[in-house]
Amino acid sequence: MNKTLLAACCAMLAAGPAAQANEADPGQALSKPCAVCHGPDGNSASAEFPKIAGQHHDYIAKALRDYKSGARKNPIMAPQAANLTPRDIEDLAAYYSKQKGLTTRY
């Protein structure tokens, strides 16, 4: 019994880095409703909706938390963010921040 438990724990620890390497994958699955306005990879084809691909992770996460809490007002985004969990927000931020899109010029 103890050997089985030890083997299971070792397997979970070994899988840890691999799971972290694919951190953006859950965000991609969660992004399907976002694609309607922001495009499938966050590069909106319409000037009416912002391009979020390549945006900073922290910015995306804060914006989603603010839409969820009501600190940031938007009649479209508020209901979209309402049911997101903290993990969902992190996953979406990870996905969009890793997409090719926005560039910063100094």
C-alpha atoms as a PDB file:
ATOM      1  CA  MET A   1       0.000   0.000   0.000  1.00  0.00           C
ATOM      2  CA  ASN A   2       2.764   2.473   0.958  1.00  0.00           C
ATOM      3  CA  LYS A   3       4.732   1.641  -2.191  1.00  0.00           C
ATOM      4  CA  THR A   4       1.664   2.339  -4.329  1.00  0.00           C
ATOM      5  CA  LEU A   5       1.096   5.682  -2.608  1.00  0.00           C
ATOM      6  CA  LEU A   6       4.775   6.597  -2.993  1.00  0.00           C
ATOM      7  CA  ALA A   7       4.714   5.666  -6.686  1.00  0.00           C
ATOM      8  CA  ALA A   8       1.575   7.751  -7.256  1.00  0.00           C
ATOM      9  CA  CYS A   9       3.136  10.769  -5.513  1.00  0.00           C
ATOM     10  CA  CYS A  10       6.329  10.451  -7.553  1.00  0.00           C
ATOM     11  CA  ALA A  11       4.309  10.243 -10.773  1.00  0.00           C
ATOM     12  CA  MET A  12       2.387  13.411  -9.872  1.00  0.00           C
ATOM     13  CA  LEU A  13       5.600  15.268  -9.061  1.00  0.00           C
ATOM     14  CA  ALA A  14       7.188  14.162 -12.313  1.00  0.00           C
ATOM     15  CA  ALA A  15       4.150  15.374 -14.272  1.00  0.00           C
ATOM     16  CA  GLY A  16       4.199  18.791 -12.579  1.00  0.00           C
ATOM     17  CA  PRO A  17       6.637  20.588 -14.926  1.00  0.00           C
ATOM     18  CA  ALA A  18       4.939  19.135 -18.001  1.00  0.00           C
ATOM     19  CA  ALA A  19       1.572  20.396 -16.818  1.00  0.00           C
ATOM     20  CA  GLN A  20       3.022  23.850 -16.208  1.00  0.00           C
ATOM     21  CA  ALA A  21       4.572  23.941 -19.669  1.00  0.00           C
ATOM     22  CA  ASN A  22       1.079  23.595 -21.171  1.00  0.00           C
ATOM     23  CA  GLU A  23      -0.459  26.236 -18.913  1.00  0.00           C
ATOM     24  CA  ALA A  24      -2.042  28.108 -21.822  1.00  0.00           C
ATOM     25  CA  ASP A  25      -4.027  25.105 -23.108  1.00  0.00           C
ATOM     26  CA  PRO A  26      -6.943  25.514 -20.645  1.00  0.00           C
ATOM     27  CA  GLY A  27      -7.059  29.190 -21.593  1.00  0.00           C
ATOM     28  CA  GLN A  28      -7.462  28.294 -25.237  1.00  0.00           C
ATOM     29  CA  ALA A  29     -10.481  26.139 -24.404  1.00  0.00           C
ATOM     30  CA  LEU A  30     -11.930  28.950 -22.277  1.00  0.00           C
ATOM     31  CA  SER A  31     -11.349  31.512 -25.037  1.00  0.00           C
ATOM     32  CA  LYS A  32     -14.029  30.187 -27.397  1.00  0.00           C
ATOM     33  CA  PRO A  33     -16.709  32.722 -26.293  1.00  0.00           C
ATOM     34  CA  CYS A  34     -14.091  35.508 -26.457  1.00  0.00           C
ATOM     35  CA  ALA A  35     -13.363  34.678 -30.107  1.00  0.00           C
ATOM     36  CA  VAL A  36     -16.708  36.104 -31.229  1.00  0.00           C
ATOM     37  CA  CYS A  37     -15.460  39.659 -30.573  1.00  0.00           C
ATOM     38  CA  HIS A  38     -11.698  39.377 -30.075  1.00  0.00           C
ATOM     39  CA  GLY A  39     -10.945  36.799 -32.790  1.00  0.00           C
ATOM     40  CA  PRO A  40      -9.851  33.173 -32.314  1.00  0.00           C
ATOM     41  CA  ASP A  41      -6.358  34.128 -31.151  1.00  0.00           C
ATOM     42  CA  GLY A  42      -7.117  37.563 -29.697  1.00  0.00           C
ATOM     43  CA  ASN A  43      -6.423  39.501 -32.910  1.00  0.00           C
ATOM     44  CA  SER A  44      -9.790  41.151 -33.502  1.00  0.00           C
ATOM     45  CA  ALA A  45     -10.611  41.930 -37.115  1.00  0.00           C
ATOM     46  CA  SER A  46     -12.793  44.850 -36.018  1.00  0.00           C
ATOM     47  CA  ALA A  47     -11.619  48.174 -34.621  1.00  0.00           C
ATOM     48  CA  GLU A  48     -14.730  47.993 -32.431  1.00  0.00           C
ATOM     49  CA  PHE A  49     -13.122  45.281 -30.250  1.00  0.00           C
ATOM     50  CA  PRO A  50      -9.605  45.466 -28.814  1.00  0.00           C
ATOM     51  CA  LYS A  51      -6.819  43.162 -29.887  1.00  0.00           C
ATOM     52  CA  ILE A  52      -5.720  41.292 -26.775  1.00  0.00           C
ATOM     53  CA  ALA A  53      -3.200  38.879 -28.315  1.00  0.00           C
ATOM     54  CA  GLY A  54       0.249  39.552 -26.923  1.00  0.00           C
ATOM     55  CA  GLN A  55      -1.078  41.815 -24.180  1.00  0.00           C
ATOM     56  CA  HIS A  56       0.717  41.555 -20.823  1.00  0.00           C
ATOM     57  CA  HIS A  57      -0.493  38.697 -18.613  1.00  0.00           C
ATOM     58  CA  ASP A  58      -0.947  40.964 -15.584  1.00  0.00           C
ATOM     59  CA  TYR A  59      -3.002  43.473 -17.578  1.00  0.00           C
ATOM     60  CA  ILE A  60      -5.387  40.827 -18.929  1.00  0.00           C
ATOM     61  CA  ALA A  61      -5.826  39.214 -15.506  1.00  0.00           C
ATOM     62  CA  LYS A  62      -6.487  42.557 -13.794  1.00  0.00           C
ATOM     63  CA  ALA A  63      -8.942  43.650 -16.487  1.00  0.00           C
ATOM     64  CA  LEU A  64     -10.913  40.408 -16.154  1.00  0.00           C
ATOM     65  CA  ARG A  65     -10.945  40.638 -12.342  1.00  0.00           C
ATOM     66  CA  ASP A  66     -12.124  44.248 -12.605  1.00  0.00           C
ATOM     67  CA  TYR A  67     -14.906  43.363 -15.069  1.00  0.00           C
ATOM     68  CA  LYS A  68     -15.958  40.559 -12.723  1.00  0.00           C
ATOM     69  CA  SER A  69     -16.001  42.785  -9.622  1.00  0.00           C
ATOM     70  CA  GLY A  70     -17.625  45.735 -11.388  1.00  0.00           C
ATOM     71  CA  ALA A  71     -14.606  48.001 -10.820  1.00  0.00           C
ATOM     72  CA  ARG A  72     -14.330  48.229 -14.616  1.00  0.00           C
ATOM     73  CA  LYS A  73     -17.630  48.901 -16.364  1.00  0.00           C
ATOM     74  CA  ASN A  74     -18.559  47.377 -19.702  1.00  0.00           C
ATOM     75  CA  PRO A  75     -21.999  45.956 -20.522  1.00  0.00           C
ATOM     76  CA  ILE A  76     -20.516  43.277 -22.788  1.00  0.00           C
ATOM     77  CA  MET A  77     -17.548  42.183 -20.681  1.00  0.00           C
ATOM     78  CA  ALA A  78     -19.206  42.193 -17.244  1.00  0.00           C
ATOM     79  CA  PRO A  79     -21.466  39.186 -17.936  1.00  0.00           C
ATOM     80  CA  GLN A  80     -18.638  37.418 -19.785  1.00  0.00           C
ATOM     81  CA  ALA A  81     -16.358  37.680 -16.738  1.00  0.00           C
ATOM     82  CA  ALA A  82     -19.063  37.101 -14.113  1.00  0.00           C
ATOM     83  CA  ASN A  83     -18.648  33.322 -13.880  1.00  0.00           C
ATOM     84  CA  LEU A  84     -14.883  33.116 -14.369  1.00  0.00           C
ATOM     85  CA  THR A  85     -12.965  31.535 -11.513  1.00  0.00           C
ATOM     86  CA  PRO A  86      -9.569  32.919 -10.456  1.00  0.00           C
ATOM     87  CA  ARG A  87      -7.998  29.915 -12.264  1.00  0.00           C
ATOM     88  CA  ASP A  88     -10.009  30.680 -15.429  1.00  0.00           C
ATOM     89  CA  ILE A  89      -8.746  34.266 -15.355  1.00  0.00           C
ATOM     90  CA  GLU A  90      -5.135  33.110 -14.995  1.00  0.00           C
ATOM     91  CA  ASP A  91      -5.571  30.564 -17.801  1.00  0.00           C
ATOM     92  CA  LEU A  92      -7.083  33.139 -20.167  1.00  0.00           C
ATOM     93  CA  ALA A  93      -4.356  35.650 -19.339  1.00  0.00           C
ATOM     94  CA  ALA A  94      -1.695  32.992 -19.979  1.00  0.00           C
ATOM     95  CA  TYR A  95      -3.237  32.034 -23.319  1.00  0.00           C
ATOM     96  CA  TYR A  96      -3.694  35.545 -24.707  1.00  0.00           C
ATOM     97  CA  SER A  97      -0.367  36.865 -23.441  1.00  0.00           C
ATOM     98  CA  LYS A  98       1.443  34.121 -25.374  1.00  0.00           C
ATOM     99  CA  GLN A  99      -0.303  34.842 -28.686  1.00  0.00           C
ATOM    100  CA  LYS A 100       1.366  36.786 -31.438  1.00  0.00           C
ATOM    101  CA  GLY A 101      -0.158  40.210 -31.640  1.00  0.00           C
ATOM    102  CA  LEU A 102       0.567  43.438 -29.848  1.00  0.00           C
ATOM    103  CA  THR A 103       4.082  44.774 -29.877  1.00  0.00           C
ATOM    104  CA  THR A 104       5.509  47.412 -27.628  1.00  0.00           C
ATOM    105  CA  ARG A 105       7.596  50.176 -29.121  1.00  0.00           C
ATOM    106  CA  TYR A 106       9.881  52.293 -27.013  1.00  0.00           C
END
